[in-house]
C-alpha cells in the first residue's frame, strides 16, 4: 500500500510539472511581467521572443491590462533578432494553376474556369462585407469590395489560384479555398490593404498568414475602409480581443485538464496491470 501511495504521489507531481511546461511553453518569455527585461522596445513598438524547434524568433506585442500579460499582435508574423520579418515559407514549393475569370459573386467569392470546368472559389483567409447574403441588407463597404474584386479580375492578364498545404481544399459548401494571384499580386492582400476585407479563419501556419496580418495592421493604423468607422473599430475590435482572450484562456484550461487526466489514467492503468500481474 505504501508503494502504491508513492507511485500516485509521483504521478501527481509529474502531471503538475507537465502542466506548467505546457502552460508556459508557447508564450513569450516574460509575458506576465509588464516591466520584463525580456521585452524589447524598438522604434516605438514592443517585441518579445520565444523558441520554436530550438530557434528563437520575435513577435510584436502589446500589454493587455485586463489579463495582465503581453499579447501577441500578429501571431503569424515572425521577426529576427534585428526585427526584420522572417519569410518562413521561402523554401517551400508552391503550385499555382492558371484559371479564366467567369464572374464574381461578391468581394471574396468568384467563379473561374479550371481545365474546362467552372469552379466556385472562396478566397482563403479573408472576409468582405456581405452583399448577396439571403435575408441580409447590403453591408457598408460590401459593394466597394465587390467592385474592387470584379475590376481586378476583369482587367487581369493572368489569374492563378494556389491551394494551401495547411488548409482544406474545399469548404462545407463545396467551394474551393485558395489564394488568388492577379498579375503576380495576391488579391487577398490587396483587398486587406484597401480596408475592404479583414482576416478571417486565418491559421498561423497558412502560407500567407503573415502577409495578411501585416496588411491588416497597416489598414487599421491608417484607418482605411472598414477601419475608418470609429464605431466599428471600438465595438468590434474590443469584442474580438475579449473573445480571443476568453477562447485562449478556455483552451489553455481545457488542454491542461486533458493532459492532467491522461497522465493520471496512464498511471492508474500501469498500477492496475502491475497488481494483476503480481496476483497471477
C-alpha atoms as a PDB file:
ATOM      1  CA  UNK A   1       0.000   0.000   0.000  1.00  0.00           C
ATOM      2  CA  UNK A   2       2.879   2.322   0.820  1.00  0.00           C
ATOM      3  CA  UNK A   3       4.382   1.683  -2.618  1.00  0.00           C
ATOM      4  CA  UNK A   4       1.016   2.416  -4.245  1.00  0.00           C
ATOM      5  CA  UNK A   5       0.776   5.797  -2.446  1.00  0.00           C
ATOM      6  CA  UNK A   6       4.305   6.694  -3.503  1.00  0.00           C
ATOM      7  CA  UNK A   7       3.529   5.913  -7.137  1.00  0.00           C
ATOM      8  CA  UNK A   8       0.316   8.005  -7.071  1.00  0.00           C
ATOM      9  CA  UNK A   9       2.151  10.958  -5.487  1.00  0.00           C
ATOM     10  CA  UNK A  10       4.906  10.700  -8.114  1.00  0.00           C
ATOM     11  CA  UNK A  11       2.364  10.646 -10.946  1.00  0.00           C
ATOM     12  CA  UNK A  12       0.611  13.663  -9.430  1.00  0.00           C
ATOM     13  CA  UNK A  13       3.774  15.777  -9.344  1.00  0.00           C
ATOM     14  CA  UNK A  14       4.785  14.682 -12.845  1.00  0.00           C
ATOM     15  CA  UNK A  15       1.353  15.807 -14.057  1.00  0.00           C
ATOM     16  CA  UNK A  16       1.708  19.188 -12.356  1.00  0.00           C
ATOM     17  CA  UNK A  17       5.157  19.686 -13.852  1.00  0.00           C
ATOM     18  CA  UNK A  18       3.836  18.797 -17.308  1.00  0.00           C
ATOM     19  CA  UNK A  19       1.021  21.311 -16.971  1.00  0.00           C
ATOM     20  CA  UNK A  20       3.426  24.053 -16.018  1.00  0.00           C
ATOM     21  CA  UNK A  21       5.661  23.312 -19.009  1.00  0.00           C
ATOM     22  CA  UNK A  22       2.671  23.204 -21.342  1.00  0.00           C
ATOM     23  CA  UNK A  23       1.190  26.426 -19.967  1.00  0.00           C
ATOM     24  CA  UNK A  24       4.327  28.491 -20.479  1.00  0.00           C
ATOM     25  CA  UNK A  25       5.976  26.743 -23.414  1.00  0.00           C
ATOM     26  CA  UNK A  26       4.086  28.612 -26.137  1.00  0.00           C
ATOM     27  CA  UNK A  27       4.114  32.033 -24.501  1.00  0.00           C
ATOM     28  CA  UNK A  28       6.502  34.933 -24.903  1.00  0.00           C
ATOM     29  CA  UNK A  29       9.353  34.846 -22.376  1.00  0.00           C
ATOM     30  CA  UNK A  30       8.416  37.191 -19.533  1.00  0.00           C
ATOM     31  CA  UNK A  31       4.847  37.535 -20.802  1.00  0.00           C
ATOM     32  CA  UNK A  32       3.376  38.115 -17.301  1.00  0.00           C
ATOM     33  CA  UNK A  33       5.725  40.965 -16.352  1.00  0.00           C
ATOM     34  CA  UNK A  34       4.935  44.398 -17.796  1.00  0.00           C
ATOM     35  CA  UNK A  35       8.452  45.589 -16.984  1.00  0.00           C
ATOM     36  CA  UNK A  36      10.251  42.418 -18.012  1.00  0.00           C
ATOM     37  CA  UNK A  37      13.781  42.935 -19.328  1.00  0.00           C
ATOM     38  CA  UNK A  38      12.971  40.217 -21.885  1.00  0.00           C
ATOM     39  CA  UNK A  39      10.654  42.630 -23.713  1.00  0.00           C
ATOM     40  CA  UNK A  40      12.364  44.999 -26.168  1.00  0.00           C
ATOM     41  CA  UNK A  41      11.193  48.456 -27.234  1.00  0.00           C
ATOM     42  CA  UNK A  42      12.292  49.169 -30.809  1.00  0.00           C
ATOM     43  CA  UNK A  43      11.119  52.068 -32.988  1.00  0.00           C
ATOM     44  CA  UNK A  44       8.109  52.661 -30.775  1.00  0.00           C
ATOM     45  CA  UNK A  45       6.994  49.009 -30.794  1.00  0.00           C
ATOM     46  CA  UNK A  46       7.388  46.244 -28.239  1.00  0.00           C
ATOM     47  CA  UNK A  47       8.819  42.842 -29.137  1.00  0.00           C
ATOM     48  CA  UNK A  48       9.196  39.624 -27.228  1.00  0.00           C
ATOM     49  CA  UNK A  49      10.667  36.250 -28.088  1.00  0.00           C
ATOM     50  CA  UNK A  50      10.192  32.549 -27.658  1.00  0.00           C
ATOM     51  CA  UNK A  51      11.761  29.484 -29.223  1.00  0.00           C
ATOM     52  CA  UNK A  52      10.287  27.159 -31.801  1.00  0.00           C
ATOM     53  CA  UNK A  53      12.123  23.942 -32.614  1.00  0.00           C
ATOM     54  CA  UNK A  54      15.154  25.366 -30.849  1.00  0.00           C
ATOM     55  CA  UNK A  55      15.198  28.565 -32.933  1.00  0.00           C
ATOM     56  CA  UNK A  56      14.455  31.958 -31.390  1.00  0.00           C
ATOM     57  CA  UNK A  57      12.114  34.399 -33.100  1.00  0.00           C
ATOM     58  CA  UNK A  58      10.280  37.567 -32.051  1.00  0.00           C
ATOM     59  CA  UNK A  59       6.702  38.851 -32.180  1.00  0.00           C
ATOM     60  CA  UNK A  60       5.244  42.338 -31.922  1.00  0.00           C
ATOM     61  CA  UNK A  61       3.404  42.784 -28.611  1.00  0.00           C
ATOM     62  CA  UNK A  62       1.068  44.992 -26.665  1.00  0.00           C
ATOM     63  CA  UNK A  63       0.319  44.943 -22.951  1.00  0.00           C
ATOM     64  CA  UNK A  64      -3.196  43.716 -22.091  1.00  0.00           C
ATOM     65  CA  UNK A  65      -4.313  45.470 -18.902  1.00  0.00           C
ATOM     66  CA  UNK A  66      -7.345  43.227 -18.434  1.00  0.00           C
ATOM     67  CA  UNK A  67      -5.404  39.967 -18.453  1.00  0.00           C
ATOM     68  CA  UNK A  68      -2.163  41.486 -17.180  1.00  0.00           C
ATOM     69  CA  UNK A  69       0.024  39.915 -19.838  1.00  0.00           C
ATOM     70  CA  UNK A  70       1.869  40.717 -23.036  1.00  0.00           C
ATOM     71  CA  UNK A  71      -0.270  39.831 -26.022  1.00  0.00           C
ATOM     72  CA  UNK A  72       1.000  38.925 -29.492  1.00  0.00           C
ATOM     73  CA  UNK A  73      -0.477  41.248 -32.108  1.00  0.00           C
ATOM     74  CA  UNK A  74       0.317  39.265 -35.264  1.00  0.00           C
ATOM     75  CA  UNK A  75       0.965  35.612 -34.374  1.00  0.00           C
ATOM     76  CA  UNK A  76       1.889  34.630 -37.936  1.00  0.00           C
ATOM     77  CA  UNK A  77       4.481  37.404 -38.335  1.00  0.00           C
ATOM     78  CA  UNK A  78       7.914  36.296 -37.145  1.00  0.00           C
ATOM     79  CA  UNK A  79      10.837  38.711 -36.676  1.00  0.00           C
ATOM     80  CA  UNK A  80      14.546  38.007 -36.410  1.00  0.00           C
ATOM     81  CA  UNK A  81      16.867  39.499 -33.787  1.00  0.00           C
ATOM     82  CA  UNK A  82      17.077  42.727 -35.821  1.00  0.00           C
ATOM     83  CA  UNK A  83      13.266  42.907 -36.051  1.00  0.00           C
ATOM     84  CA  UNK A  84      13.109  42.168 -39.763  1.00  0.00           C
ATOM     85  CA  UNK A  85      10.214  39.979 -40.912  1.00  0.00           C
ATOM     86  CA  UNK A  86      11.217  36.367 -41.496  1.00  0.00           C
ATOM     87  CA  UNK A  87       9.901  34.635 -44.602  1.00  0.00           C
ATOM     88  CA  UNK A  88       9.072  31.259 -43.104  1.00  0.00           C
ATOM     89  CA  UNK A  89       7.990  29.626 -46.351  1.00  0.00           C
ATOM     90  CA  UNK A  90      10.642  30.812 -48.793  1.00  0.00           C
ATOM     91  CA  UNK A  91      11.936  27.264 -49.279  1.00  0.00           C
ATOM     92  CA  UNK A  92       8.531  25.710 -49.831  1.00  0.00           C
ATOM     93  CA  UNK A  93       7.391  24.720 -53.276  1.00  0.00           C
ATOM     94  CA  UNK A  94       4.064  26.223 -54.260  1.00  0.00           C
ATOM     95  CA  UNK A  95       1.920  25.083 -57.130  1.00  0.00           C
ATOM     96  CA  UNK A  96      -0.269  27.583 -58.953  1.00  0.00           C
ATOM     97  CA  UNK A  97      -2.926  26.854 -61.540  1.00  0.00           C
ATOM     98  CA  UNK A  98      -3.856  29.350 -64.209  1.00  0.00           C
ATOM     99  CA  UNK A  99      -7.598  29.941 -64.492  1.00  0.00           C
ATOM    100  CA  UNK A 100     -10.016  32.009 -66.565  1.00  0.00           C
ATOM    101  CA  UNK A 101     -12.311  34.501 -64.886  1.00  0.00           C
ATOM    102  CA  UNK A 102     -16.044  33.780 -65.211  1.00  0.00           C
ATOM    103  CA  UNK A 103     -17.844  36.076 -62.767  1.00  0.00           C
ATOM    104  CA  UNK A 104     -17.763  37.461 -59.247  1.00  0.00           C
ATOM    105  CA  UNK A 105     -20.256  36.551 -56.561  1.00  0.00           C
ATOM    106  CA  UNK A 106     -19.149  39.166 -54.048  1.00  0.00           C
ATOM    107  CA  UNK A 107     -15.911  40.624 -52.710  1.00  0.00           C
ATOM    108  CA  UNK A 108     -14.438  37.336 -51.526  1.00  0.00           C
ATOM    109  CA  UNK A 109     -16.008  34.782 -53.869  1.00  0.00           C
ATOM    110  CA  UNK A 110     -15.753  34.279 -57.627  1.00  0.00           C
ATOM    111  CA  UNK A 111     -16.199  31.679 -60.348  1.00  0.00           C
ATOM    112  CA  UNK A 112     -13.297  30.558 -62.527  1.00  0.00           C
ATOM    113  CA  UNK A 113     -12.741  28.057 -65.291  1.00  0.00           C
ATOM    114  CA  UNK A 114     -10.110  25.440 -64.456  1.00  0.00           C
ATOM    115  CA  UNK A 115      -9.300  22.738 -67.012  1.00  0.00           C
ATOM    116  CA  UNK A 116     -12.625  23.261 -68.744  1.00  0.00           C
ATOM    117  CA  UNK A 117     -14.649  23.102 -65.517  1.00  0.00           C
ATOM    118  CA  UNK A 118     -16.259  26.099 -63.782  1.00  0.00           C
ATOM    119  CA  UNK A 119     -15.432  26.131 -60.082  1.00  0.00           C
ATOM    120  CA  UNK A 120     -16.535  28.477 -57.326  1.00  0.00           C
ATOM    121  CA  UNK A 121     -13.698  29.817 -55.202  1.00  0.00           C
ATOM    122  CA  UNK A 122     -13.917  31.302 -51.720  1.00  0.00           C
ATOM    123  CA  UNK A 123     -10.853  33.471 -51.157  1.00  0.00           C
ATOM    124  CA  UNK A 124      -8.815  31.876 -48.386  1.00  0.00           C
ATOM    125  CA  UNK A 125      -8.052  33.800 -45.195  1.00  0.00           C
ATOM    126  CA  UNK A 126     -10.260  36.884 -45.650  1.00  0.00           C
ATOM    127  CA  UNK A 127     -13.839  38.095 -45.360  1.00  0.00           C
ATOM    128  CA  UNK A 128     -15.535  41.068 -47.013  1.00  0.00           C
ATOM    129  CA  UNK A 129     -18.825  42.707 -46.068  1.00  0.00           C
ATOM    130  CA  UNK A 130     -21.984  40.980 -47.289  1.00  0.00           C
ATOM    131  CA  UNK A 131     -23.779  41.988 -50.486  1.00  0.00           C
ATOM    132  CA  UNK A 132     -25.669  38.844 -51.549  1.00  0.00           C
ATOM    133  CA  UNK A 133     -26.427  37.027 -48.274  1.00  0.00           C
ATOM    134  CA  UNK A 134     -30.078  35.897 -48.049  1.00  0.00           C
ATOM    135  CA  UNK A 135     -32.277  37.973 -45.724  1.00  0.00           C
ATOM    136  CA  UNK A 136     -29.435  40.415 -45.089  1.00  0.00           C
ATOM    137  CA  UNK A 137     -29.123  44.015 -46.266  1.00  0.00           C
ATOM    138  CA  UNK A 138     -26.064  45.081 -48.229  1.00  0.00           C
ATOM    139  CA  UNK A 139     -23.436  45.974 -45.645  1.00  0.00           C
ATOM    140  CA  UNK A 140     -21.246  49.070 -45.724  1.00  0.00           C
ATOM    141  CA  UNK A 141     -18.098  48.579 -47.820  1.00  0.00           C
ATOM    142  CA  UNK A 142     -19.564  45.389 -49.282  1.00  0.00           C
ATOM    143  CA  UNK A 143     -20.254  46.853 -52.717  1.00  0.00           C
ATOM    144  CA  UNK A 144     -16.874  48.575 -52.744  1.00  0.00           C
ATOM    145  CA  UNK A 145     -15.189  45.217 -52.103  1.00  0.00           C
ATOM    146  CA  UNK A 146     -17.240  43.505 -54.802  1.00  0.00           C
ATOM    147  CA  UNK A 147     -16.420  46.237 -57.303  1.00  0.00           C
ATOM    148  CA  UNK A 148     -12.719  46.088 -56.453  1.00  0.00           C
ATOM    149  CA  UNK A 149     -12.600  42.318 -56.922  1.00  0.00           C
ATOM    150  CA  UNK A 150     -14.596  42.423 -60.159  1.00  0.00           C
ATOM    151  CA  UNK A 151     -12.432  45.173 -61.617  1.00  0.00           C
ATOM    152  CA  UNK A 152      -9.198  43.393 -60.663  1.00  0.00           C
ATOM    153  CA  UNK A 153     -10.273  40.094 -62.179  1.00  0.00           C
ATOM    154  CA  UNK A 154     -11.888  41.516 -65.309  1.00  0.00           C
ATOM    155  CA  UNK A 155      -8.795  43.503 -66.221  1.00  0.00           C
ATOM    156  CA  UNK A 156      -6.222  40.857 -65.306  1.00  0.00           C
ATOM    157  CA  UNK A 157      -3.831  39.486 -67.883  1.00  0.00           C
ATOM    158  CA  UNK A 158      -3.149  36.383 -65.815  1.00  0.00           C
ATOM    159  CA  UNK A 159      -5.074  34.841 -62.911  1.00  0.00           C
ATOM    160  CA  UNK A 160      -3.755  31.958 -60.861  1.00  0.00           C
ATOM    161  CA  UNK A 161      -5.109  30.051 -57.877  1.00  0.00           C
ATOM    162  CA  UNK A 162      -2.930  28.413 -55.241  1.00  0.00           C
ATOM    163  CA  UNK A 163      -4.068  25.836 -52.708  1.00  0.00           C
ATOM    164  CA  UNK A 164      -2.543  25.985 -49.240  1.00  0.00           C
ATOM    165  CA  UNK A 165      -0.897  22.828 -47.913  1.00  0.00           C
ATOM    166  CA  UNK A 166      -2.206  23.579 -44.411  1.00  0.00           C
ATOM    167  CA  UNK A 167      -5.831  24.296 -45.384  1.00  0.00           C
ATOM    168  CA  UNK A 168      -8.723  22.222 -46.657  1.00  0.00           C
ATOM    169  CA  UNK A 169      -9.154  22.352 -50.417  1.00  0.00           C
ATOM    170  CA  UNK A 170     -12.905  22.910 -50.119  1.00  0.00           C
ATOM    171  CA  UNK A 171     -15.362  24.244 -47.543  1.00  0.00           C
ATOM    172  CA  UNK A 172     -18.681  22.733 -46.495  1.00  0.00           C
ATOM    173  CA  UNK A 173     -20.395  24.486 -49.413  1.00  0.00           C
ATOM    174  CA  UNK A 174     -18.061  22.710 -51.877  1.00  0.00           C
ATOM    175  CA  UNK A 175     -16.289  25.966 -52.716  1.00  0.00           C
ATOM    176  CA  UNK A 176     -12.575  25.761 -53.431  1.00  0.00           C
ATOM    177  CA  UNK A 177     -10.415  27.541 -50.837  1.00  0.00           C
ATOM    178  CA  UNK A 178      -7.413  29.160 -52.496  1.00  0.00           C
ATOM    179  CA  UNK A 179      -5.089  32.099 -52.707  1.00  0.00           C
ATOM    180  CA  UNK A 180      -5.824  34.298 -55.730  1.00  0.00           C
ATOM    181  CA  UNK A 181      -2.973  35.757 -57.783  1.00  0.00           C
ATOM    182  CA  UNK A 182      -3.741  38.575 -60.217  1.00  0.00           C
ATOM    183  CA  UNK A 183      -0.817  39.507 -62.458  1.00  0.00           C
ATOM    184  CA  UNK A 184       1.593  38.371 -59.770  1.00  0.00           C
ATOM    185  CA  UNK A 185      -0.131  40.159 -56.870  1.00  0.00           C
ATOM    186  CA  UNK A 186      -2.017  38.453 -54.066  1.00  0.00           C
ATOM    187  CA  UNK A 187      -5.622  39.648 -54.339  1.00  0.00           C
ATOM    188  CA  UNK A 188      -6.368  38.924 -50.680  1.00  0.00           C
ATOM    189  CA  UNK A 189      -3.530  41.213 -49.637  1.00  0.00           C
ATOM    190  CA  UNK A 190      -4.746  43.993 -51.958  1.00  0.00           C
ATOM    191  CA  UNK A 191      -8.271  43.802 -50.536  1.00  0.00           C
ATOM    192  CA  UNK A 192      -6.992  43.931 -46.963  1.00  0.00           C
ATOM    193  CA  UNK A 193      -4.615  46.820 -47.686  1.00  0.00           C
ATOM    194  CA  UNK A 194      -7.528  48.781 -49.158  1.00  0.00           C
ATOM    195  CA  UNK A 195      -9.536  48.224 -45.988  1.00  0.00           C
ATOM    196  CA  UNK A 196     -12.126  46.232 -47.926  1.00  0.00           C
ATOM    197  CA  UNK A 197     -11.502  42.890 -46.194  1.00  0.00           C
ATOM    198  CA  UNK A 198     -10.285  41.566 -42.879  1.00  0.00           C
ATOM    199  CA  UNK A 199      -8.513  38.358 -41.944  1.00  0.00           C
ATOM    200  CA  UNK A 200     -10.960  35.526 -41.411  1.00  0.00           C
ATOM    201  CA  UNK A 201     -10.431  31.955 -40.149  1.00  0.00           C
ATOM    202  CA  UNK A 202      -6.751  32.552 -40.778  1.00  0.00           C
ATOM    203  CA  UNK A 203      -4.447  29.932 -39.297  1.00  0.00           C
ATOM    204  CA  UNK A 204      -0.905  30.995 -38.425  1.00  0.00           C
ATOM    205  CA  UNK A 205       0.560  28.136 -40.468  1.00  0.00           C
ATOM    206  CA  UNK A 206      -1.131  29.254 -43.697  1.00  0.00           C
ATOM    207  CA  UNK A 207       1.457  30.257 -46.260  1.00  0.00           C
ATOM    208  CA  UNK A 208       0.485  33.938 -46.472  1.00  0.00           C
ATOM    209  CA  UNK A 209      -0.958  34.430 -42.995  1.00  0.00           C
ATOM    210  CA  UNK A 210       1.861  36.807 -42.077  1.00  0.00           C
ATOM    211  CA  UNK A 211       1.252  38.848 -45.236  1.00  0.00           C
ATOM    212  CA  UNK A 212      -2.432  39.332 -44.397  1.00  0.00           C
ATOM    213  CA  UNK A 213      -1.805  40.144 -40.749  1.00  0.00           C
ATOM    214  CA  UNK A 214       0.770  42.746 -41.705  1.00  0.00           C
ATOM    215  CA  UNK A 215      -1.589  44.229 -44.325  1.00  0.00           C
ATOM    216  CA  UNK A 216      -4.443  44.443 -41.832  1.00  0.00           C
ATOM    217  CA  UNK A 217      -2.180  46.156 -39.323  1.00  0.00           C
ATOM    218  CA  UNK A 218      -1.369  48.815 -41.932  1.00  0.00           C
ATOM    219  CA  UNK A 219      -5.022  49.318 -42.895  1.00  0.00           C
ATOM    220  CA  UNK A 220      -6.025  49.663 -39.249  1.00  0.00           C
ATOM    221  CA  UNK A 221      -3.288  52.153 -38.447  1.00  0.00           C
ATOM    222  CA  UNK A 222      -4.224  54.273 -41.459  1.00  0.00           C
ATOM    223  CA  UNK A 223      -7.969  53.869 -40.756  1.00  0.00           C
ATOM    224  CA  UNK A 224      -8.763  52.811 -44.303  1.00  0.00           C
ATOM    225  CA  UNK A 225     -12.111  51.428 -45.459  1.00  0.00           C
ATOM    226  CA  UNK A 226     -13.876  49.345 -42.813  1.00  0.00           C
ATOM    227  CA  UNK A 227     -11.366  50.544 -40.233  1.00  0.00           C
ATOM    228  CA  UNK A 228     -12.402  54.177 -40.766  1.00  0.00           C
ATOM    229  CA  UNK A 229     -15.667  53.531 -38.957  1.00  0.00           C
ATOM    230  CA  UNK A 230     -14.961  54.506 -35.365  1.00  0.00           C
ATOM    231  CA  UNK A 231     -17.948  52.675 -34.003  1.00  0.00           C
ATOM    232  CA  UNK A 232     -16.934  49.514 -35.855  1.00  0.00           C
ATOM    233  CA  UNK A 233     -13.379  49.701 -34.539  1.00  0.00           C
ATOM    234  CA  UNK A 234     -14.373  50.433 -30.968  1.00  0.00           C
ATOM    235  CA  UNK A 235     -17.112  47.832 -30.638  1.00  0.00           C
ATOM    236  CA  UNK A 236     -15.889  45.005 -32.839  1.00  0.00           C
ATOM    237  CA  UNK A 237     -12.181  45.203 -32.136  1.00  0.00           C
ATOM    238  CA  UNK A 238     -12.735  45.169 -28.384  1.00  0.00           C
ATOM    239  CA  UNK A 239     -15.261  42.353 -28.711  1.00  0.00           C
ATOM    240  CA  UNK A 240     -12.864  40.399 -30.906  1.00  0.00           C
ATOM    241  CA  UNK A 241      -9.983  40.941 -28.486  1.00  0.00           C
ATOM    242  CA  UNK A 242     -12.031  39.908 -25.481  1.00  0.00           C
ATOM    243  CA  UNK A 243     -13.409  36.906 -27.355  1.00  0.00           C
ATOM    244  CA  UNK A 244      -9.932  35.844 -28.375  1.00  0.00           C
ATOM    245  CA  UNK A 245      -8.649  36.138 -24.820  1.00  0.00           C
ATOM    246  CA  UNK A 246     -11.598  34.204 -23.415  1.00  0.00           C
ATOM    247  CA  UNK A 247     -11.180  31.496 -26.055  1.00  0.00           C
ATOM    248  CA  UNK A 248      -7.427  31.368 -25.491  1.00  0.00           C
ATOM    249  CA  UNK A 249      -7.782  31.060 -21.721  1.00  0.00           C
ATOM    250  CA  UNK A 250     -10.524  28.456 -22.049  1.00  0.00           C
ATOM    251  CA  UNK A 251      -8.401  26.473 -24.490  1.00  0.00           C
ATOM    252  CA  UNK A 252      -5.450  26.559 -22.125  1.00  0.00           C
ATOM    253  CA  UNK A 253      -7.595  25.276 -19.236  1.00  0.00           C
ATOM    254  CA  UNK A 254      -9.208  22.548 -21.324  1.00  0.00           C
ATOM    255  CA  UNK A 255      -5.914  21.290 -22.728  1.00  0.00           C
ATOM    256  CA  UNK A 256      -4.193  21.335 -19.357  1.00  0.00           C
ATOM    257  CA  UNK A 257      -7.067  19.397 -17.818  1.00  0.00           C
ATOM    258  CA  UNK A 258      -6.897  16.785 -20.568  1.00  0.00           C
ATOM    259  CA  UNK A 259      -3.154  16.351 -20.113  1.00  0.00           C
ATOM    260  CA  UNK A 260      -3.561  16.013 -16.353  1.00  0.00           C
ATOM    261  CA  UNK A 261      -6.316  13.407 -16.706  1.00  0.00           C
ATOM    262  CA  UNK A 262      -4.390  11.491 -19.377  1.00  0.00           C
ATOM    263  CA  UNK A 263      -1.286  11.207 -17.179  1.00  0.00           C
ATOM    264  CA  UNK A 264      -3.357  10.050 -14.204  1.00  0.00           C
ATOM    265  CA  UNK A 265      -5.214   7.457 -16.294  1.00  0.00           C
ATOM    266  CA  UNK A 266      -1.976   6.089 -17.711  1.00  0.00           C
ATOM    267  CA  UNK A 267      -0.562   5.856 -14.205  1.00  0.00           C
ATOM    268  CA  UNK A 268      -3.639   4.096 -12.831  1.00  0.00           C
ATOM    269  CA  UNK A 269      -3.668   1.627 -15.734  1.00  0.00           C
ATOM    270  CA  UNK A 270       0.013   0.856 -15.199  1.00  0.00           C
ATOM    271  CA  UNK A 271      -0.518   0.256 -11.483  1.00  0.00           C
ATOM    272  CA  UNK A 272      -3.583  -1.913 -12.103  1.00  0.00           C
ATOM    273  CA  UNK A 273      -1.751  -4.066 -14.636  1.00  0.00           C
ATOM    274  CA  UNK A 274       1.142  -4.481 -12.235  1.00  0.00           C
ATOM    275  CA  UNK A 275      -1.188  -5.561  -9.397  1.00  0.00           C
ATOM    276  CA  UNK A 276      -2.971  -8.030 -11.678  1.00  0.00           C
ATOM    277  CA  UNK A 277       0.366  -9.454 -12.761  1.00  0.00           C
ATOM    278  CA  UNK A 278       1.543  -9.800  -9.146  1.00  0.00           C
ATOM    279  CA  UNK A 279      -1.661 -11.651  -8.162  1.00  0.00           C
ATOM    280  CA  UNK A 280      -1.180 -14.081 -11.017  1.00  0.00           C
END
